[in-house]
Amino acid sequence: MISNRRQAEKEHFTNVDEHEVENITLDFFYTPHTLTLLGVAIAATVYFAFTRDDEVSQAHNLSTGMWCMMAFFLIISLLTFPNGPFTRPHPALWRIIFGISVLYMLLLVFTLFQTYDDVRKMFFFAFPDLEGYTTPDKEYAVNCSSITFNRVWGSFDWYALCHFGGWAIKAMLMRHYGILWMISIMWELTEAHFIHILPNFAECWWDSLLLDVLVCNGLGIYVGMKIADLLEIRNYHWDSIKDIKTTSGKIKRAVLQFTPASWTHVRWLDPESSFMRVIAIFLMMFITQMAELNTFFLKYIFLFPIDHIVGQIRILIIITMVAPTIRQYYTFVTDPMCKRVGTQLWVFTAVTVLEFMNSLKHGSHIFSQTIVANVVLWFLVQMGMVLTCLYIMWYFTTHPKDKASKNRTDSECSESDYLYPTPISMNTRSASRKRKATKHGSSVARYIQD
């Protein structure tokens, strides 16, 4: 009995840490080519090592050596690391993403033991254009009483579009209006409490409440949730590309390889959840706030523009890490058979903590200005408001007004329906979802999961 339970726990963990591809029909793309990869790696290394000019600068030699070292590390990650809960477009992509996140984590560990000046020299070595850059003197939240159409319209720039897109992605990953709106509002409060450290957090009231919360955040949440709803009501049944006769059908199938193989219904709070679920969701929201704060701390401490390539690389790494991280955390929180956290979740948490530790150590000249009362008040407000809102949602979820809501069919409430990626079982959704799919005219996607 114990061995069966352990086997079940192992399968549940494997499902989110190293999910296997089902119904493989193109064996070539899913067969390990370890010897071929080893031969290509060695041949490329020999070519570049013995044909390049060693008389170039020491900086160029160091740069080339580090790039080659990282390439070999990513090759090893491609062969050995877990791909996490996703298999599209190919598990190899998610193994490489995990390898990049491990490299970034190791870099943060290394910089934690360096001095501030040495870390700045590392930035100058990788990005020479940063040398001599200083934070421009700029006044924020000036003349807030002057509200004109041109001034408001001028606020809708490239950053506003990125702001909107970021919230749309968050909505597609978290898929819960209450949690998303709490994060949105709490972030505005976070900015207000950290203005004394980060002056660029100062905003006019109409910029913060109207443009940020309602327009960028609100529209992003709405669009992301609608996309998630449309993906959820689809029926996922994939046929082999070899079984498709037309050229246009094969091209369409190849393009759809970059779409999800299935779409899992998310339910953070359900009638069977305990109050510990509320605590778990609060921790997720708090880590989210810390990851957002780190973006501005690192920019302000290590002095690089928000649109610089180093900041964009860091944001891209975090975004690609977040997708499997949220899935693994959701399963760990909601699935009683999953007893371990996923590897990507572990690395993402470590990265968030290490970024904050680097900010504390190397930004002592900034954090010396910290008003402790503001930070303590921020944490208490965060904890109080979030826990109160989550408790209210949890209470009404676990105490429905009528008993009929407690007797929902297994197809509506079963764990297999909203915890695990089961493309075929998604056809057993409730009749209401089927009617909704029919209403929207969703068609069966007849392409395989390769």
Protein backbone atom coordinates (compact mmCIF):
# COMPACT_ATOMS: atom_id res chain seq x y z
CA MET A 1 0.00 0.00 0.00
CA ILE A 2 2.84 2.38 0.91
CA SER A 3 4.74 1.51 -2.27
CA ASN A 4 1.65 2.22 -4.39
CA ARG A 5 1.20 5.60 -2.73
CA ARG A 6 4.86 6.48 -3.27
CA GLN A 7 4.57 5.46 -6.89
CA ALA A 8 1.50 7.68 -7.28
CA GLU A 9 3.31 10.60 -5.63
CA LYS A 10 6.26 10.08 -7.98
CA GLU A 11 3.98 10.11 -11.00
CA HIS A 12 2.24 13.30 -9.86
CA PHE A 13 5.61 15.02 -9.32
CA THR A 14 6.96 13.81 -12.66
CA ASN A 15 3.88 15.21 -14.36
CA VAL A 16 4.94 18.78 -13.47
CA ASP A 17 8.71 18.38 -13.26
CA GLU A 18 9.43 16.28 -16.36
CA HIS A 19 6.22 15.85 -18.28
CA GLU A 20 6.51 13.28 -21.05
CA VAL A 21 5.35 13.80 -24.61
CA GLU A 22 2.37 11.62 -25.45
CA ASN A 23 1.55 9.98 -28.79
CA ILE A 24 4.92 10.56 -30.45
CA THR A 25 4.74 9.96 -34.19
CA LEU A 26 7.83 11.79 -35.45
CA ASP A 27 10.42 9.71 -33.63
CA PHE A 28 13.41 11.55 -35.08
CA PHE A 29 12.62 14.76 -33.17
CA TYR A 30 12.20 12.96 -29.84
CA THR A 31 15.04 10.44 -30.01
CA PRO A 32 18.16 11.46 -28.04
CA HIS A 33 21.06 12.14 -30.41
CA THR A 34 23.71 12.26 -27.69
CA LEU A 35 26.69 11.03 -29.73
CA THR A 36 25.83 13.31 -32.64
CA LEU A 37 25.53 16.29 -30.30
CA LEU A 38 28.84 15.41 -28.63
CA GLY A 39 30.60 15.15 -32.00
CA VAL A 40 29.21 18.48 -33.22
CA ALA A 41 30.14 20.21 -29.95
CA ILE A 42 33.72 18.91 -30.02
CA ALA A 43 34.16 19.71 -33.72
CA ALA A 44 32.87 23.26 -33.26
CA THR A 45 35.11 23.79 -30.23
CA VAL A 46 38.19 22.52 -32.06
CA TYR A 47 37.45 24.73 -35.04
CA PHE A 48 36.98 27.95 -33.08
CA ALA A 49 39.82 27.21 -30.63
CA PHE A 50 42.48 26.56 -33.28
CA THR A 51 41.43 28.90 -36.08
CA ARG A 52 40.94 32.12 -34.13
CA ASP A 53 43.71 34.62 -33.50
CA ASP A 54 44.97 34.35 -29.92
CA GLU A 55 46.84 37.62 -30.22
CA VAL A 56 43.66 39.62 -29.73
CA SER A 57 42.91 41.38 -26.47
CA GLN A 58 42.59 39.56 -23.18
CA ALA A 59 39.01 40.79 -22.85
CA HIS A 60 38.13 39.17 -26.17
CA ASN A 61 39.70 35.87 -25.09
CA LEU A 62 37.82 35.90 -21.81
CA SER A 63 34.56 36.71 -23.57
CA THR A 64 34.98 33.89 -26.10
CA GLY A 65 35.92 31.41 -23.39
CA MET A 66 32.88 32.28 -21.28
CA TRP A 67 30.51 32.02 -24.24
CA CYS A 68 31.93 28.57 -25.05
CA MET A 69 31.63 27.51 -21.41
CA MET A 70 27.97 28.60 -21.31
CA ALA A 71 27.29 26.79 -24.58
CA PHE A 72 28.61 23.51 -23.13
CA PHE A 73 26.56 24.05 -19.98
CA LEU A 74 23.39 24.51 -22.04
CA ILE A 75 24.23 21.38 -24.04
CA ILE A 76 24.42 19.45 -20.77
CA SER A 77 21.13 21.00 -19.67
CA LEU A 78 19.60 19.91 -22.97
CA LEU A 79 20.65 16.32 -22.28
CA THR A 80 20.03 15.98 -18.54
CA PHE A 81 17.80 18.71 -17.08
CA PRO A 82 14.03 18.27 -16.64
CA ASN A 83 11.73 20.03 -19.08
CA GLY A 84 9.11 20.85 -16.44
CA PRO A 85 5.34 20.68 -17.06
CA PHE A 86 5.44 21.78 -20.71
CA THR A 87 6.30 19.92 -23.90
CA ARG A 88 5.45 22.47 -26.58
CA PRO A 89 6.96 23.33 -28.95
CA HIS A 90 9.58 20.80 -27.79
CA PRO A 91 10.85 19.65 -24.38
CA ALA A 92 14.38 20.66 -25.44
CA LEU A 93 13.38 24.33 -25.38
CA TRP A 94 12.21 24.12 -21.76
CA ARG A 95 15.37 22.25 -20.74
CA ILE A 96 17.47 25.04 -22.22
CA ILE A 97 15.31 27.65 -20.44
CA PHE A 98 15.89 25.82 -17.18
CA GLY A 99 19.62 25.72 -17.92
CA ILE A 100 19.66 29.48 -18.52
CA SER A 101 17.85 30.07 -15.23
CA VAL A 102 20.44 27.92 -13.41
CA LEU A 103 23.24 29.93 -15.04
CA TYR A 104 21.60 33.15 -13.91
CA MET A 105 21.23 31.82 -10.38
CA LEU A 106 24.93 30.87 -10.27
CA LEU A 107 25.86 34.34 -11.55
CA LEU A 108 23.87 35.90 -8.71
CA VAL A 109 25.65 33.68 -6.19
CA PHE A 110 29.01 34.77 -7.63
CA THR A 111 28.21 38.50 -7.57
CA LEU A 112 27.02 38.21 -3.98
CA PHE A 113 30.66 37.67 -2.92
CA GLN A 114 32.10 40.54 -4.94
CA THR A 115 32.43 44.22 -4.14
CA TYR A 116 30.17 46.81 -5.71
CA ASP A 117 33.00 48.22 -7.83
CA ASP A 118 33.95 44.76 -9.11
CA VAL A 119 30.36 44.01 -10.08
CA ARG A 120 30.25 47.31 -11.95
CA LYS A 121 33.44 46.31 -13.77
CA MET A 122 31.71 43.07 -14.78
CA PHE A 123 28.89 45.16 -16.27
CA PHE A 124 31.41 47.33 -18.14
CA PHE A 125 33.19 44.23 -19.44
CA ALA A 126 29.95 42.75 -20.85
CA PHE A 127 28.36 46.07 -21.85
CA PRO A 128 31.00 48.77 -22.44
CA ASP A 129 28.35 51.38 -23.24
CA LEU A 130 27.33 51.42 -19.56
CA GLU A 131 30.65 52.92 -18.49
CA GLY A 132 30.11 56.49 -17.44
CA TYR A 133 26.33 56.18 -17.30
CA THR A 134 24.64 57.90 -14.37
CA THR A 135 21.02 58.13 -13.38
CA PRO A 136 19.63 61.30 -14.95
CA ASP A 137 18.29 63.95 -12.63
CA LYS A 138 14.56 64.05 -13.20
CA GLU A 139 11.59 65.25 -11.25
CA TYR A 140 8.63 62.93 -10.94
CA ALA A 141 4.96 63.61 -10.18
CA VAL A 142 5.28 67.29 -11.04
CA ASN A 143 2.26 69.57 -11.57
CA CYS A 144 -0.26 66.77 -11.06
CA SER A 145 -3.17 69.17 -11.01
CA SER A 146 -2.64 69.94 -14.69
CA ILE A 147 -4.56 67.23 -16.52
CA THR A 148 -4.75 67.76 -20.28
CA PHE A 149 -5.52 65.43 -23.14
CA ASN A 150 -2.04 65.82 -24.63
CA ARG A 151 -0.40 65.04 -21.30
CA VAL A 152 -2.50 61.94 -20.72
CA TRP A 153 -2.08 60.78 -24.31
CA GLY A 154 1.67 61.27 -24.04
CA SER A 155 1.72 58.70 -21.24
CA PHE A 156 0.69 55.97 -23.66
CA ASP A 157 4.11 55.05 -24.96
CA TRP A 158 6.06 51.85 -25.57
CA TYR A 159 6.32 51.22 -21.84
CA ALA A 160 2.55 51.40 -21.43
CA LEU A 161 2.17 48.78 -24.16
CA CYS A 162 4.70 46.54 -22.41
CA HIS A 163 2.82 47.15 -19.14
CA PHE A 164 -0.41 46.01 -20.78
CA GLY A 165 1.27 42.95 -22.32
CA GLY A 166 2.85 41.96 -19.03
CA TRP A 167 -0.51 41.92 -17.27
CA ALA A 168 -2.09 39.96 -20.10
CA ILE A 169 0.61 37.30 -19.65
CA LYS A 170 0.09 37.29 -15.88
CA ALA A 171 -3.64 36.79 -16.40
CA MET A 172 -3.10 33.84 -18.73
CA LEU A 173 -0.78 32.23 -16.18
CA MET A 174 -2.70 32.85 -12.94
CA ARG A 175 -6.27 32.90 -14.34
CA HIS A 176 -8.00 34.34 -11.29
CA TYR A 177 -9.57 37.82 -11.34
CA GLY A 178 -9.42 38.27 -7.56
CA ILE A 179 -5.74 37.38 -7.22
CA LEU A 180 -4.78 39.49 -10.24
CA TRP A 181 -6.63 42.59 -9.05
CA MET A 182 -5.13 42.24 -5.57
CA ILE A 183 -1.62 42.08 -7.05
CA SER A 184 -2.39 45.11 -9.22
CA ILE A 185 -3.65 47.25 -6.34
CA MET A 186 -0.97 46.08 -3.92
CA TRP A 187 1.75 47.00 -6.42
CA GLU A 188 0.53 50.58 -6.50
CA LEU A 189 0.71 50.63 -2.69
CA THR A 190 4.21 49.13 -2.92
CA GLU A 191 5.29 52.00 -5.15
CA ALA A 192 3.87 54.52 -2.68
CA HIS A 193 5.79 52.99 0.26
CA PHE A 194 9.14 52.82 -1.58
CA ILE A 195 9.19 56.31 -3.10
CA HIS A 196 11.79 57.38 -0.53
CA ILE A 197 14.17 54.75 -1.95
CA LEU A 198 13.17 54.73 -5.63
CA PRO A 199 12.19 58.27 -6.70
CA ASN A 200 10.87 57.08 -10.07
CA PHE A 201 8.00 55.39 -8.20
CA ALA A 202 6.48 58.85 -7.68
CA GLU A 203 3.45 59.24 -9.94
CA CYS A 204 0.50 61.57 -10.21
CA TRP A 205 -2.71 60.16 -8.81
CA TRP A 206 -4.36 59.98 -12.23
CA ASP A 207 -1.33 58.18 -13.67
CA SER A 208 -1.34 55.61 -10.88
CA LEU A 209 -5.06 54.97 -10.51
CA LEU A 210 -6.42 55.60 -13.99
CA LEU A 211 -3.64 54.79 -16.44
CA ASP A 212 -1.91 52.04 -14.45
CA VAL A 213 -4.62 50.26 -12.46
CA LEU A 214 -7.65 50.71 -14.70
CA VAL A 215 -6.25 51.01 -18.22
CA CYS A 216 -2.98 49.06 -18.47
CA ASN A 217 -3.56 46.59 -15.63
CA GLY A 218 -7.32 46.29 -16.04
CA LEU A 219 -7.32 45.84 -19.81
CA GLY A 220 -4.36 43.47 -19.60
CA ILE A 221 -6.14 41.32 -17.02
CA TYR A 222 -9.37 41.32 -19.06
CA VAL A 223 -7.68 40.42 -22.35
CA GLY A 224 -5.52 37.74 -20.73
CA MET A 225 -8.51 36.14 -18.99
CA LYS A 226 -10.54 36.16 -22.21
CA ILE A 227 -7.71 34.46 -24.09
CA ALA A 228 -7.50 31.88 -21.32
CA ASP A 229 -11.27 31.28 -21.54
CA LEU A 230 -11.09 30.79 -25.31
CA LEU A 231 -8.22 28.33 -24.96
CA GLU A 232 -10.04 26.49 -22.18
CA ILE A 233 -13.26 25.80 -24.13
CA ARG A 234 -11.39 24.28 -27.06
CA ASN A 235 -11.34 20.52 -27.50
CA TYR A 236 -7.75 19.33 -27.79
CA HIS A 237 -7.28 16.32 -30.04
CA TRP A 238 -4.09 16.16 -32.06
CA ASP A 239 -3.54 14.10 -35.21
CA SER A 240 -0.17 13.23 -36.67
CA ILE A 241 1.28 15.54 -39.27
CA LYS A 242 1.92 12.42 -41.34
CA ASP A 243 -1.82 11.77 -41.47
CA ILE A 244 -2.56 15.22 -42.89
CA LYS A 245 -2.71 15.08 -46.69
CA THR A 246 -2.71 18.71 -47.76
CA THR A 247 0.30 21.01 -47.72
CA SER A 248 -1.66 23.82 -46.09
CA GLY A 249 -2.81 21.40 -43.39
CA LYS A 250 0.77 20.35 -42.68
CA ILE A 251 1.90 23.97 -42.45
CA LYS A 252 -0.98 24.77 -40.11
CA ARG A 253 -0.09 21.75 -37.97
CA ALA A 254 3.55 22.87 -37.80
CA VAL A 255 2.49 26.36 -36.68
CA LEU A 256 0.11 24.91 -34.07
CA GLN A 257 3.07 23.05 -32.56
CA PHE A 258 3.86 26.40 -30.91
CA THR A 259 0.47 26.45 -29.15
CA PRO A 260 -0.44 24.60 -25.92
CA ALA A 261 -1.02 20.86 -26.18
CA SER A 262 -3.83 21.24 -23.64
CA TRP A 263 -5.27 23.89 -21.35
CA THR A 264 -5.68 23.16 -17.66
CA HIS A 265 -8.62 24.67 -15.80
CA VAL A 266 -7.24 26.57 -12.80
CA ARG A 267 -9.02 26.73 -9.47
CA TRP A 268 -6.93 28.26 -6.71
CA LEU A 269 -9.75 28.05 -4.15
CA ASP A 270 -12.25 25.20 -3.98
CA PRO A 271 -14.75 23.93 -1.37
CA GLU A 272 -12.28 21.35 -0.06
CA SER A 273 -9.36 23.74 0.47
CA SER A 274 -8.18 24.72 3.94
CA PHE A 275 -7.04 28.08 5.27
CA MET A 276 -3.46 27.03 4.50
CA ARG A 277 -4.37 27.47 0.84
CA VAL A 278 -4.91 31.16 1.64
CA ILE A 279 -1.44 31.36 3.18
CA ALA A 280 0.06 29.64 0.13
CA ILE A 281 -1.56 32.13 -2.25
CA PHE A 282 -0.36 35.02 -0.08
CA LEU A 283 3.22 33.71 -0.34
CA MET A 284 2.91 33.53 -4.12
CA MET A 285 1.68 37.12 -4.24
CA PHE A 286 4.46 38.30 -1.93
CA ILE A 287 7.17 36.62 -4.04
CA THR A 288 5.59 38.25 -7.10
CA GLN A 289 5.92 41.67 -5.46
CA MET A 290 9.56 40.95 -4.57
CA ALA A 291 10.40 39.91 -8.15
CA GLU A 292 8.83 43.15 -9.42
CA LEU A 293 10.73 45.23 -6.85
CA ASN A 294 14.02 43.56 -7.81
CA THR A 295 13.61 44.88 -11.35
CA PHE A 296 13.77 48.48 -10.11
CA PHE A 297 16.30 47.86 -7.34
CA LEU A 298 18.83 46.32 -9.73
CA LYS A 299 18.36 49.09 -12.30
CA TYR A 300 18.75 51.84 -9.72
CA ILE A 301 21.70 50.27 -7.85
CA PHE A 302 23.81 49.06 -10.78
CA LEU A 303 22.97 52.10 -12.96
CA PHE A 304 21.62 51.02 -16.30
CA PRO A 305 18.67 52.45 -18.29
CA ILE A 306 15.36 50.61 -18.07
CA ASP A 307 15.45 50.01 -21.84
CA HIS A 308 19.04 48.72 -21.88
CA ILE A 309 19.70 45.24 -23.22
CA VAL A 310 20.87 43.98 -19.81
CA GLY A 311 17.50 44.83 -18.29
CA GLN A 312 15.64 43.30 -21.23
CA ILE A 313 17.63 40.06 -20.95
CA ARG A 314 16.86 39.85 -17.25
CA ILE A 315 13.13 40.42 -17.83
CA LEU A 316 13.09 37.80 -20.61
CA ILE A 317 14.76 35.26 -18.31
CA ILE A 318 12.23 35.95 -15.54
CA ILE A 319 9.24 35.70 -17.92
CA THR A 320 10.33 32.34 -19.30
CA MET A 321 10.91 31.06 -15.77
CA VAL A 322 7.54 32.23 -14.47
CA ALA A 323 5.35 30.05 -16.73
CA PRO A 324 6.57 26.64 -15.46
CA THR A 325 7.07 28.07 -11.97
CA ILE A 326 3.40 29.03 -11.52
CA ARG A 327 2.26 25.69 -12.91
CA GLN A 328 4.50 23.78 -10.52
CA TYR A 329 3.47 25.93 -7.56
CA TYR A 330 -0.21 25.51 -8.41
CA THR A 331 0.15 21.73 -8.47
CA PHE A 332 2.17 21.70 -5.25
CA VAL A 333 -0.49 23.79 -3.48
CA THR A 334 -3.61 22.08 -4.82
CA ASP A 335 -2.55 18.47 -5.37
CA PRO A 336 -2.29 16.46 -2.11
CA MET A 337 -0.31 13.78 -3.94
CA CYS A 338 2.47 16.20 -4.92
CA LYS A 339 4.87 16.30 -1.97
CA ARG A 340 7.81 18.15 -3.56
CA VAL A 341 8.25 21.49 -5.26
CA GLY A 342 9.30 21.48 -8.90
CA THR A 343 12.89 22.25 -9.85
CA GLN A 344 11.99 25.40 -11.78
CA LEU A 345 9.97 26.66 -8.80
CA TRP A 346 12.97 26.02 -6.55
CA VAL A 347 15.33 27.91 -8.87
CA PHE A 348 12.93 30.83 -9.38
CA THR A 349 12.51 31.29 -5.62
CA ALA A 350 16.29 31.15 -5.17
CA VAL A 351 16.79 33.70 -7.96
CA THR A 352 14.27 36.11 -6.38
CA VAL A 353 15.94 35.86 -2.97
CA LEU A 354 19.46 36.15 -4.43
CA GLU A 355 18.51 39.24 -6.44
CA PHE A 356 17.18 40.88 -3.29
CA MET A 357 20.32 39.89 -1.34
CA ASN A 358 22.50 41.43 -4.05
CA SER A 359 20.40 44.59 -3.87
CA LEU A 360 20.80 44.77 -0.09
CA LYS A 361 24.55 44.19 -0.13
CA HIS A 362 25.55 46.35 -3.09
CA GLY A 363 22.90 49.00 -2.52
CA SER A 364 23.82 49.89 1.04
CA HIS A 365 24.26 53.51 -0.03
CA ILE A 366 20.61 53.50 -1.13
CA PHE A 367 19.08 51.40 1.63
CA SER A 368 20.78 53.59 4.23
CA GLN A 369 18.03 56.10 3.38
CA THR A 370 15.32 53.57 4.18
CA ILE A 371 12.53 54.71 6.42
CA VAL A 372 11.99 51.52 8.40
CA ALA A 373 8.48 52.53 9.42
CA ASN A 374 7.46 52.73 5.73
CA VAL A 375 8.78 49.25 4.99
CA VAL A 376 7.16 47.73 8.08
CA LEU A 377 3.89 49.45 7.27
CA TRP A 378 4.13 48.20 3.68
CA PHE A 379 4.54 44.61 4.82
CA LEU A 380 1.71 44.85 7.35
CA VAL A 381 -0.63 46.43 4.79
CA GLN A 382 0.31 43.79 2.24
CA MET A 383 -0.30 40.96 4.66
CA GLY A 384 -3.46 42.41 6.17
CA MET A 385 -5.25 43.37 2.96
CA VAL A 386 -4.26 40.28 1.00
CA LEU A 387 -5.09 37.81 3.76
CA THR A 388 -8.40 39.54 4.42
CA CYS A 389 -9.43 39.48 0.75
CA LEU A 390 -8.26 35.90 0.31
CA TYR A 391 -10.05 34.82 3.45
CA ILE A 392 -13.30 36.35 2.20
CA MET A 393 -12.94 34.55 -1.15
CA TRP A 394 -12.01 31.30 0.62
CA TYR A 395 -14.96 31.58 3.03
CA PHE A 396 -17.56 32.07 0.28
CA THR A 397 -15.94 29.29 -1.74
CA THR A 398 -16.02 26.78 1.12
CA HIS A 399 -19.45 27.90 2.44
CA PRO A 400 -21.78 28.07 -0.57
CA LYS A 401 -25.17 29.60 0.03
CA ASP A 402 -27.16 26.61 -1.16
CA LYS A 403 -26.46 22.93 -0.84
CA ALA A 404 -26.86 22.40 -4.52
CA SER A 405 -23.51 24.02 -5.14
CA LYS A 406 -21.91 21.39 -2.92
CA ASN A 407 -23.23 18.57 -5.09
CA ARG A 408 -21.49 19.45 -8.27
CA THR A 409 -20.76 16.59 -10.60
CA ASP A 410 -17.35 14.99 -10.73
CA SER A 411 -16.82 16.39 -14.19
CA GLU A 412 -17.03 19.90 -12.75
CA CYS A 413 -14.96 19.47 -9.60
CA SER A 414 -12.72 16.43 -10.02
CA GLU A 415 -9.04 17.10 -9.43
CA SER A 416 -8.14 15.47 -12.72
CA ASP A 417 -10.13 18.18 -14.49
CA TYR A 418 -8.28 21.17 -13.10
CA LEU A 419 -4.94 19.94 -11.81
CA TYR A 420 -3.34 17.85 -14.51
CA PRO A 421 -2.77 18.24 -18.24
CA THR A 422 -5.07 15.58 -19.69
CA PRO A 423 -6.05 16.61 -23.22
CA ILE A 424 -8.46 13.75 -23.83
CA SER A 425 -10.23 14.01 -20.48
CA MET A 426 -10.98 17.64 -21.18
CA ASN A 427 -13.81 16.40 -23.39
CA THR A 428 -15.62 15.35 -20.21
CA ARG A 429 -16.22 18.93 -19.08
CA SER A 430 -19.58 19.93 -17.79
CA ALA A 431 -22.50 20.43 -20.14
CA SER A 432 -22.42 24.16 -19.54
CA ARG A 433 -18.87 24.42 -20.89
CA LYS A 434 -19.84 22.34 -23.92
CA ARG A 435 -22.74 24.66 -24.63
CA LYS A 436 -20.38 27.61 -24.20
CA ALA A 437 -17.96 26.07 -26.68
CA THR A 438 -20.78 25.46 -29.13
CA LYS A 439 -21.97 29.03 -28.68
CA HIS A 440 -18.55 30.38 -29.56
CA GLY A 441 -18.28 27.98 -32.48
CA SER A 442 -15.10 26.34 -31.25
CA SER A 443 -13.96 23.54 -33.47
CA VAL A 444 -11.98 20.49 -32.68
CA ALA A 445 -8.29 21.08 -33.34
CA ARG A 446 -7.39 17.94 -35.23
CA TYR A 447 -3.63 17.92 -34.88
CA ILE A 448 -1.42 15.71 -32.76
CA GLN A 449 0.74 16.39 -29.74
CA ASP A 450 4.18 15.63 -31.13
